[in-house]
Amino acid sequence: MAEEYREFEAKTVDEAIATAMRTFHLNFEQLDIQVISEGSKGLFGLVGTKTAKILARPVQEFDEDAPEPGVEEPPSSPAHDMEPEVRRNAPIPENAPEIISDLLTHMNMSSEIKIREDGVIEIIGDGSGIIIGKRGATLDALQFIVNRILNKDRSEPVYVTIDTEGYRQRHMDHLRSMAFKMGQKARRTGQSVSLERMNPYDRRIIHLALKNDSRVNTKSIGDGIFKKIVIIPRKASK
């Protein structure tokens, strides 16, 4: 069940959103945000000042991780079963490629921007390794900034996925391979296997990879956005 909206108030919309992000311990793209009031400075910044107000709640995709062992899974839906990188159906804003190009120019990087058939924005250039960064951290940060800019003046949130040199697919393949390998280890040893802390997208890939394996369960543990996944052999979880 989706969480109810909560109201946040601050001097500006940006500050209200920042407060919501801190409150929910989520990133901007993980929040469903509705702007109630933009706020205003008033006369000389003193008289008639109005605060900005927003409504925010976690995006429904992030409300639940995978079902915990012994808990019946709710009926599946297309949105529930889709993987993180391919569940965005909204058209890409026309200014998105330009925003990315401008940001890369400020980074002294010359790249070509194109939109792939799957709706992902692809960056083509010689500096892909720099754009990706360690474990995709730079690419994720760039994606976050672009989505932040795109949603600054929108009442209906939009989200774009940015990729370069097929990194997203390689990363997904790597996570799936690791999930199968660690699942085999858990079954072979009869001991639970703990994986490193991951963001919600990566955790969901692991959960989905082992979802149909009747010999193991997966469970997320920890607080905040980054949690560990524990792969539990069925025999050991009883």
C-alpha atoms as a PDB file:
ATOM      1  CA  MET A   1       0.000   0.000   0.000  1.00  0.00           C
ATOM      2  CA  ALA A   2       1.375   3.402  -0.998  1.00  0.00           C
ATOM      3  CA  GLU A   3       2.401   5.752   1.780  1.00  0.00           C
ATOM      4  CA  GLU A   4       0.326   8.900   2.309  1.00  0.00           C
ATOM      5  CA  TYR A   5       1.655  12.272   1.151  1.00  0.00           C
ATOM      6  CA  ARG A   6       3.351  14.435   3.780  1.00  0.00           C
ATOM      7  CA  GLU A   7       3.483  18.217   3.609  1.00  0.00           C
ATOM      8  CA  PHE A   8       6.785  20.101   3.731  1.00  0.00           C
ATOM      9  CA  GLU A   9       7.237  23.843   4.020  1.00  0.00           C
ATOM     10  CA  ALA A  10      10.343  26.013   3.529  1.00  0.00           C
ATOM     11  CA  LYS A  11      11.519  29.303   2.040  1.00  0.00           C
ATOM     12  CA  THR A  12      11.859  27.773  -1.420  1.00  0.00           C
ATOM     13  CA  VAL A  13      10.645  24.666  -3.223  1.00  0.00           C
ATOM     14  CA  ASP A  14      14.237  23.391  -3.395  1.00  0.00           C
ATOM     15  CA  GLU A  15      14.617  23.656   0.368  1.00  0.00           C
ATOM     16  CA  ALA A  16      11.276  21.922   0.926  1.00  0.00           C
ATOM     17  CA  ILE A  17      12.335  19.091  -1.379  1.00  0.00           C
ATOM     18  CA  ALA A  18      15.675  18.819   0.408  1.00  0.00           C
ATOM     19  CA  THR A  19      13.801  18.495   3.715  1.00  0.00           C
ATOM     20  CA  ALA A  20      11.601  15.772   2.241  1.00  0.00           C
ATOM     21  CA  MET A  21      14.670  13.902   0.982  1.00  0.00           C
ATOM     22  CA  ARG A  22      16.241  14.029   4.448  1.00  0.00           C
ATOM     23  CA  THR A  23      12.993  12.977   6.125  1.00  0.00           C
ATOM     24  CA  PHE A  24      12.391   9.960   3.903  1.00  0.00           C
ATOM     25  CA  HIS A  25      16.118   9.189   3.475  1.00  0.00           C
ATOM     26  CA  LEU A  26      15.539   9.015  -0.294  1.00  0.00           C
ATOM     27  CA  ASN A  27      16.982  10.661  -3.392  1.00  0.00           C
ATOM     28  CA  PHE A  28      14.980  13.098  -5.488  1.00  0.00           C
ATOM     29  CA  GLU A  29      14.012  10.575  -8.167  1.00  0.00           C
ATOM     30  CA  GLN A  30      12.706   8.239  -5.465  1.00  0.00           C
ATOM     31  CA  LEU A  31      10.093  10.771  -4.323  1.00  0.00           C
ATOM     32  CA  ASP A  32       6.645  11.548  -5.697  1.00  0.00           C
ATOM     33  CA  ILE A  33       6.464  15.340  -5.323  1.00  0.00           C
ATOM     34  CA  GLN A  34       3.586  17.777  -5.824  1.00  0.00           C
ATOM     35  CA  VAL A  35       4.237  21.508  -5.526  1.00  0.00           C
ATOM     36  CA  ILE A  36       1.441  23.331  -3.683  1.00  0.00           C
ATOM     37  CA  SER A  37       3.012  26.772  -3.514  1.00  0.00           C
ATOM     38  CA  GLU A  38       6.193  28.181  -5.082  1.00  0.00           C
ATOM     39  CA  GLY A  39       6.599  30.766  -2.336  1.00  0.00           C
ATOM     40  CA  SER A  40       7.552  34.423  -2.779  1.00  0.00           C
ATOM     41  CA  LYS A  41       9.897  36.931  -1.185  1.00  0.00           C
ATOM     42  CA  GLY A  42       7.347  39.725  -0.837  1.00  0.00           C
ATOM     43  CA  LEU A  43       8.086  43.447  -0.790  1.00  0.00           C
ATOM     44  CA  PHE A  44      11.807  44.055  -0.160  1.00  0.00           C
ATOM     45  CA  GLY A  45      12.027  40.454   0.922  1.00  0.00           C
ATOM     46  CA  LEU A  46      10.225  41.308   4.155  1.00  0.00           C
ATOM     47  CA  VAL A  47       6.549  42.171   3.737  1.00  0.00           C
ATOM     48  CA  GLY A  48       4.168  39.560   2.372  1.00  0.00           C
ATOM     49  CA  THR A  49       6.715  36.769   2.280  1.00  0.00           C
ATOM     50  CA  LYS A  50       5.154  33.387   1.497  1.00  0.00           C
ATOM     51  CA  THR A  51       6.743  30.026   2.085  1.00  0.00           C
ATOM     52  CA  ALA A  52       6.905  27.248  -0.464  1.00  0.00           C
ATOM     53  CA  LYS A  53       4.866  24.117   0.221  1.00  0.00           C
ATOM     54  CA  ILE A  54       5.071  20.669  -1.317  1.00  0.00           C
ATOM     55  CA  LEU A  55       3.529  17.242  -0.834  1.00  0.00           C
ATOM     56  CA  ALA A  56       5.916  14.300  -0.972  1.00  0.00           C
ATOM     57  CA  ARG A  57       5.913  10.548  -0.533  1.00  0.00           C
ATOM     58  CA  PRO A  58       8.123   7.679  -1.712  1.00  0.00           C
ATOM     59  CA  VAL A  59       7.549   6.611  -5.297  1.00  0.00           C
ATOM     60  CA  GLN A  60       5.466   3.446  -5.168  1.00  0.00           C
ATOM     61  CA  GLU A  61       8.223   1.415  -6.836  1.00  0.00           C
ATOM     62  CA  PHE A  62      10.393   2.028  -3.776  1.00  0.00           C
ATOM     63  CA  ASP A  63       7.743   1.385  -1.117  1.00  0.00           C
ATOM     64  CA  GLU A  64       8.571  -2.288  -0.893  1.00  0.00           C
ATOM     65  CA  ASP A  65      11.696  -4.286  -1.392  1.00  0.00           C
ATOM     66  CA  ALA A  66      11.378  -7.987  -2.039  1.00  0.00           C
ATOM     67  CA  PRO A  67       9.007  -9.989   0.189  1.00  0.00           C
ATOM     68  CA  GLU A  68      10.659 -11.334   3.304  1.00  0.00           C
ATOM     69  CA  PRO A  69      10.843 -15.083   3.870  1.00  0.00           C
ATOM     70  CA  GLY A  70       7.508 -16.501   4.953  1.00  0.00           C
ATOM     71  CA  VAL A  71       5.570 -13.446   3.804  1.00  0.00           C
ATOM     72  CA  GLU A  72       3.131 -13.937   0.971  1.00  0.00           C
ATOM     73  CA  GLU A  73       3.954 -11.777  -2.024  1.00  0.00           C
ATOM     74  CA  PRO A  74       1.183  -9.438  -3.228  1.00  0.00           C
ATOM     75  CA  PRO A  75      -0.250 -10.030  -6.709  1.00  0.00           C
ATOM     76  CA  SER A  76       2.191  -8.949  -9.371  1.00  0.00           C
ATOM     77  CA  SER A  77       1.606  -6.044 -11.705  1.00  0.00           C
ATOM     78  CA  PRO A  78       3.510  -4.848 -14.790  1.00  0.00           C
ATOM     79  CA  ALA A  79       5.161  -2.059 -12.786  1.00  0.00           C
ATOM     80  CA  HIS A  80       6.128  -4.468 -10.015  1.00  0.00           C
ATOM     81  CA  ASP A  81       7.758  -6.995 -12.322  1.00  0.00           C
ATOM     82  CA  MET A  82       9.607  -4.551 -14.575  1.00  0.00           C
ATOM     83  CA  GLU A  83      13.275  -4.018 -13.974  1.00  0.00           C
ATOM     84  CA  PRO A  84      14.603  -0.600 -12.913  1.00  0.00           C
ATOM     85  CA  GLU A  85      16.147   0.431 -16.197  1.00  0.00           C
ATOM     86  CA  VAL A  86      13.102  -0.287 -18.375  1.00  0.00           C
ATOM     87  CA  ARG A  87      10.067   0.782 -16.393  1.00  0.00           C
ATOM     88  CA  ARG A  88       9.955   4.423 -17.541  1.00  0.00           C
ATOM     89  CA  ASN A  89       7.197   4.971 -20.089  1.00  0.00           C
ATOM     90  CA  ALA A  90       6.891   8.776 -20.120  1.00  0.00           C
ATOM     91  CA  PRO A  91       8.327  10.565 -23.167  1.00  0.00           C
ATOM     92  CA  ILE A  92      11.772  12.076 -22.699  1.00  0.00           C
ATOM     93  CA  PRO A  93      11.659  15.886 -22.306  1.00  0.00           C
ATOM     94  CA  GLU A  94      13.025  17.638 -25.390  1.00  0.00           C
ATOM     95  CA  ASN A  95      15.556  19.629 -23.355  1.00  0.00           C
ATOM     96  CA  ALA A  96      17.069  16.570 -21.626  1.00  0.00           C
ATOM     97  CA  PRO A  97      19.843  15.935 -24.212  1.00  0.00           C
ATOM     98  CA  GLU A  98      20.738  19.643 -24.192  1.00  0.00           C
ATOM     99  CA  ILE A  99      20.991  19.670 -20.401  1.00  0.00           C
ATOM    100  CA  ILE A 100      23.296  16.649 -20.454  1.00  0.00           C
ATOM    101  CA  SER A 101      25.431  18.184 -23.197  1.00  0.00           C
ATOM    102  CA  ASP A 102      25.789  21.435 -21.235  1.00  0.00           C
ATOM    103  CA  LEU A 103      26.807  19.580 -18.080  1.00  0.00           C
ATOM    104  CA  LEU A 104      29.403  17.552 -19.973  1.00  0.00           C
ATOM    105  CA  THR A 105      30.754  20.752 -21.554  1.00  0.00           C
ATOM    106  CA  HIS A 106      31.291  22.172 -18.060  1.00  0.00           C
ATOM    107  CA  MET A 107      33.176  18.955 -17.296  1.00  0.00           C
ATOM    108  CA  ASN A 108      35.386  19.647 -20.354  1.00  0.00           C
ATOM    109  CA  MET A 109      34.069  16.549 -22.074  1.00  0.00           C
ATOM    110  CA  SER A 110      32.940  16.437 -25.686  1.00  0.00           C
ATOM    111  CA  SER A 111      30.303  13.784 -26.292  1.00  0.00           C
ATOM    112  CA  GLU A 112      27.425  12.929 -28.601  1.00  0.00           C
ATOM    113  CA  ILE A 113      23.991  12.455 -27.050  1.00  0.00           C
ATOM    114  CA  LYS A 114      21.391  10.172 -28.586  1.00  0.00           C
ATOM    115  CA  ILE A 115      18.140   8.536 -27.477  1.00  0.00           C
ATOM    116  CA  ARG A 116      18.094   4.760 -27.830  1.00  0.00           C
ATOM    117  CA  GLU A 117      15.100   2.734 -28.950  1.00  0.00           C
ATOM    118  CA  ASP A 118      14.532   1.589 -25.359  1.00  0.00           C
ATOM    119  CA  GLY A 119      14.097   5.214 -24.252  1.00  0.00           C
ATOM    120  CA  VAL A 120      17.474   5.482 -22.522  1.00  0.00           C
ATOM    121  CA  ILE A 121      19.668   8.516 -23.196  1.00  0.00           C
ATOM    122  CA  GLU A 122      23.070   7.326 -24.402  1.00  0.00           C
ATOM    123  CA  ILE A 123      26.294   9.312 -24.056  1.00  0.00           C
ATOM    124  CA  ILE A 124      28.828   8.500 -26.784  1.00  0.00           C
ATOM    125  CA  GLY A 125      32.402   9.718 -26.424  1.00  0.00           C
ATOM    126  CA  ASP A 126      35.981   8.931 -25.477  1.00  0.00           C
ATOM    127  CA  GLY A 127      35.494   9.734 -21.794  1.00  0.00           C
ATOM    128  CA  SER A 128      32.991   7.017 -20.935  1.00  0.00           C
ATOM    129  CA  GLY A 129      35.184   5.593 -18.188  1.00  0.00           C
ATOM    130  CA  ILE A 130      35.298   8.968 -16.446  1.00  0.00           C
ATOM    131  CA  ILE A 131      31.552   9.443 -16.877  1.00  0.00           C
ATOM    132  CA  ILE A 132      30.825   6.029 -15.358  1.00  0.00           C
ATOM    133  CA  GLY A 133      33.122   6.464 -12.381  1.00  0.00           C
ATOM    134  CA  LYS A 134      33.728   3.886  -9.668  1.00  0.00           C
ATOM    135  CA  ARG A 135      30.860   1.371  -9.706  1.00  0.00           C
ATOM    136  CA  GLY A 136      28.790   3.796 -11.754  1.00  0.00           C
ATOM    137  CA  ALA A 137      28.814   6.501  -9.062  1.00  0.00           C
ATOM    138  CA  THR A 138      29.576   9.377 -11.469  1.00  0.00           C
ATOM    139  CA  LEU A 139      26.973   8.229 -13.989  1.00  0.00           C
ATOM    140  CA  ASP A 140      24.379   7.906 -11.230  1.00  0.00           C
ATOM    141  CA  ALA A 141      25.273  11.389  -9.940  1.00  0.00           C
ATOM    142  CA  LEU A 142      24.938  12.868 -13.444  1.00  0.00           C
ATOM    143  CA  GLN A 143      21.576  11.147 -13.859  1.00  0.00           C
ATOM    144  CA  PHE A 144      20.408  12.519 -10.502  1.00  0.00           C
ATOM    145  CA  ILE A 145      21.424  16.086 -11.394  1.00  0.00           C
ATOM    146  CA  VAL A 146      19.725  15.914 -14.807  1.00  0.00           C
ATOM    147  CA  ASN A 147      16.488  14.632 -13.288  1.00  0.00           C
ATOM    148  CA  ARG A 148      16.702  17.325 -10.618  1.00  0.00           C
ATOM    149  CA  ILE A 149      16.957  20.012 -13.293  1.00  0.00           C
ATOM    150  CA  LEU A 150      14.194  18.505 -15.418  1.00  0.00           C
ATOM    151  CA  ASN A 151      11.773  18.451 -12.495  1.00  0.00           C
ATOM    152  CA  LYS A 152      12.518  21.886 -11.102  1.00  0.00           C
ATOM    153  CA  ASP A 153       9.454  23.587 -12.620  1.00  0.00           C
ATOM    154  CA  ARG A 154       7.239  20.576 -13.305  1.00  0.00           C
ATOM    155  CA  SER A 155       4.041  19.659 -11.498  1.00  0.00           C
ATOM    156  CA  GLU A 156       4.190  16.114 -12.926  1.00  0.00           C
ATOM    157  CA  PRO A 157       7.556  14.432 -12.219  1.00  0.00           C
ATOM    158  CA  VAL A 158       9.520  12.934 -15.092  1.00  0.00           C
ATOM    159  CA  TYR A 159      12.498  10.588 -14.996  1.00  0.00           C
ATOM    160  CA  VAL A 160      15.188   9.794 -17.539  1.00  0.00           C
ATOM    161  CA  THR A 161      17.794   7.055 -17.507  1.00  0.00           C
ATOM    162  CA  ILE A 162      21.297   7.893 -18.733  1.00  0.00           C
ATOM    163  CA  ASP A 163      23.767   5.304 -19.988  1.00  0.00           C
ATOM    164  CA  THR A 164      27.125   5.181 -21.742  1.00  0.00           C
ATOM    165  CA  GLU A 165      28.850   2.340 -23.588  1.00  0.00           C
ATOM    166  CA  GLY A 166      26.118  -0.076 -22.443  1.00  0.00           C
ATOM    167  CA  TYR A 167      27.220   0.197 -18.799  1.00  0.00           C
ATOM    168  CA  ARG A 168      23.719  -0.263 -17.361  1.00  0.00           C
ATOM    169  CA  GLN A 169      23.230  -3.613 -19.091  1.00  0.00           C
ATOM    170  CA  ARG A 170      26.725  -4.811 -18.165  1.00  0.00           C
ATOM    171  CA  HIS A 171      26.100  -3.819 -14.571  1.00  0.00           C
ATOM    172  CA  MET A 172      22.768  -5.651 -14.557  1.00  0.00           C
ATOM    173  CA  ASP A 173      24.386  -8.758 -16.062  1.00  0.00           C
ATOM    174  CA  HIS A 174      27.128  -8.605 -13.415  1.00  0.00           C
ATOM    175  CA  LEU A 175      24.597  -8.396 -10.584  1.00  0.00           C
ATOM    176  CA  ARG A 176      22.579 -11.289 -11.964  1.00  0.00           C
ATOM    177  CA  SER A 177      25.712 -13.399 -12.335  1.00  0.00           C
ATOM    178  CA  MET A 178      26.724 -12.583  -8.765  1.00  0.00           C
ATOM    179  CA  ALA A 179      23.230 -13.422  -7.522  1.00  0.00           C
ATOM    180  CA  PHE A 180      23.301 -16.867  -9.153  1.00  0.00           C
ATOM    181  CA  LYS A 181      26.838 -17.539  -7.913  1.00  0.00           C
ATOM    182  CA  MET A 182      26.072 -16.527  -4.327  1.00  0.00           C
ATOM    183  CA  GLY A 183      22.795 -18.439  -4.467  1.00  0.00           C
ATOM    184  CA  GLN A 184      24.728 -21.577  -5.385  1.00  0.00           C
ATOM    185  CA  LYS A 185      27.122 -20.932  -2.500  1.00  0.00           C
ATOM    186  CA  ALA A 186      24.250 -20.582  -0.033  1.00  0.00           C
ATOM    187  CA  ARG A 187      22.710 -23.853  -1.247  1.00  0.00           C
ATOM    188  CA  ARG A 188      26.044 -25.690  -1.248  1.00  0.00           C
ATOM    189  CA  THR A 189      27.163 -24.617   2.226  1.00  0.00           C
ATOM    190  CA  GLY A 190      23.745 -24.418   3.846  1.00  0.00           C
ATOM    191  CA  GLN A 191      24.813 -21.031   5.240  1.00  0.00           C
ATOM    192  CA  SER A 192      23.357 -17.583   4.586  1.00  0.00           C
ATOM    193  CA  VAL A 193      25.434 -15.370   2.300  1.00  0.00           C
ATOM    194  CA  SER A 194      25.578 -11.609   2.858  1.00  0.00           C
ATOM    195  CA  LEU A 195      26.219  -9.244  -0.060  1.00  0.00           C
ATOM    196  CA  GLU A 196      27.597  -5.709   0.062  1.00  0.00           C
ATOM    197  CA  ARG A 197      25.355  -2.695   0.667  1.00  0.00           C
ATOM    198  CA  MET A 198      23.377  -1.737  -2.435  1.00  0.00           C
ATOM    199  CA  ASN A 199      20.938   0.911  -3.592  1.00  0.00           C
ATOM    200  CA  PRO A 200      17.263  -0.029  -4.237  1.00  0.00           C
ATOM    201  CA  TYR A 201      17.795  -0.534  -7.994  1.00  0.00           C
ATOM    202  CA  ASP A 202      20.648  -3.001  -7.550  1.00  0.00           C
ATOM    203  CA  ARG A 203      18.875  -4.842  -4.733  1.00  0.00           C
ATOM    204  CA  ARG A 204      15.811  -5.312  -6.883  1.00  0.00           C
ATOM    205  CA  ILE A 205      17.905  -6.907  -9.635  1.00  0.00           C
ATOM    206  CA  ILE A 206      19.289  -9.399  -7.088  1.00  0.00           C
ATOM    207  CA  HIS A 207      15.822 -10.146  -5.693  1.00  0.00           C
ATOM    208  CA  LEU A 208      14.384 -10.704  -9.176  1.00  0.00           C
ATOM    209  CA  ALA A 209      17.310 -12.909 -10.232  1.00  0.00           C
ATOM    210  CA  LEU A 210      16.631 -15.333  -7.371  1.00  0.00           C
ATOM    211  CA  LYS A 211      12.874 -14.838  -7.150  1.00  0.00           C
ATOM    212  CA  ASN A 212      12.032 -18.165  -8.814  1.00  0.00           C
ATOM    213  CA  ASP A 213      14.703 -20.198  -7.012  1.00  0.00           C
ATOM    214  CA  SER A 214      12.681 -22.298  -4.573  1.00  0.00           C
ATOM    215  CA  ARG A 215      15.818 -23.282  -2.676  1.00  0.00           C
ATOM    216  CA  VAL A 216      16.736 -19.833  -1.356  1.00  0.00           C
ATOM    217  CA  ASN A 217      15.121 -16.675   0.002  1.00  0.00           C
ATOM    218  CA  THR A 218      16.489 -13.146  -0.235  1.00  0.00           C
ATOM    219  CA  LYS A 219      16.085 -10.457   2.389  1.00  0.00           C
ATOM    220  CA  SER A 220      17.239  -6.837   2.662  1.00  0.00           C
ATOM    221  CA  ILE A 221      18.621  -5.756   6.020  1.00  0.00           C
ATOM    222  CA  GLY A 222      19.773  -2.390   7.350  1.00  0.00           C
ATOM    223  CA  ASP A 223      18.495   1.168   7.481  1.00  0.00           C
ATOM    224  CA  GLY A 224      18.396   3.923   4.886  1.00  0.00           C
ATOM    225  CA  ILE A 225      18.718   3.672   1.117  1.00  0.00           C
ATOM    226  CA  PHE A 226      21.759   1.385   1.028  1.00  0.00           C
ATOM    227  CA  LYS A 227      21.054  -2.034   2.511  1.00  0.00           C
ATOM    228  CA  LYS A 228      22.665  -5.433   2.443  1.00  0.00           C
ATOM    229  CA  ILE A 229      21.012  -8.434   0.839  1.00  0.00           C
ATOM    230  CA  VAL A 230      21.186 -11.766   2.638  1.00  0.00           C
ATOM    231  CA  ILE A 231      20.658 -14.937   0.590  1.00  0.00           C
ATOM    232  CA  ILE A 232      19.170 -17.574   2.890  1.00  0.00           C
ATOM    233  CA  PRO A 233      18.997 -21.269   1.995  1.00  0.00           C
ATOM    234  CA  ARG A 234      15.490 -22.601   2.610  1.00  0.00           C
ATOM    235  CA  LYS A 235      16.720 -25.339   4.906  1.00  0.00           C
ATOM    236  CA  ALA A 236      18.531 -22.809   7.113  1.00  0.00           C
ATOM    237  CA  SER A 237      15.598 -20.375   7.165  1.00  0.00           C
ATOM    238  CA  LYS A 238      13.121 -22.829   8.693  1.00  0.00           C
END
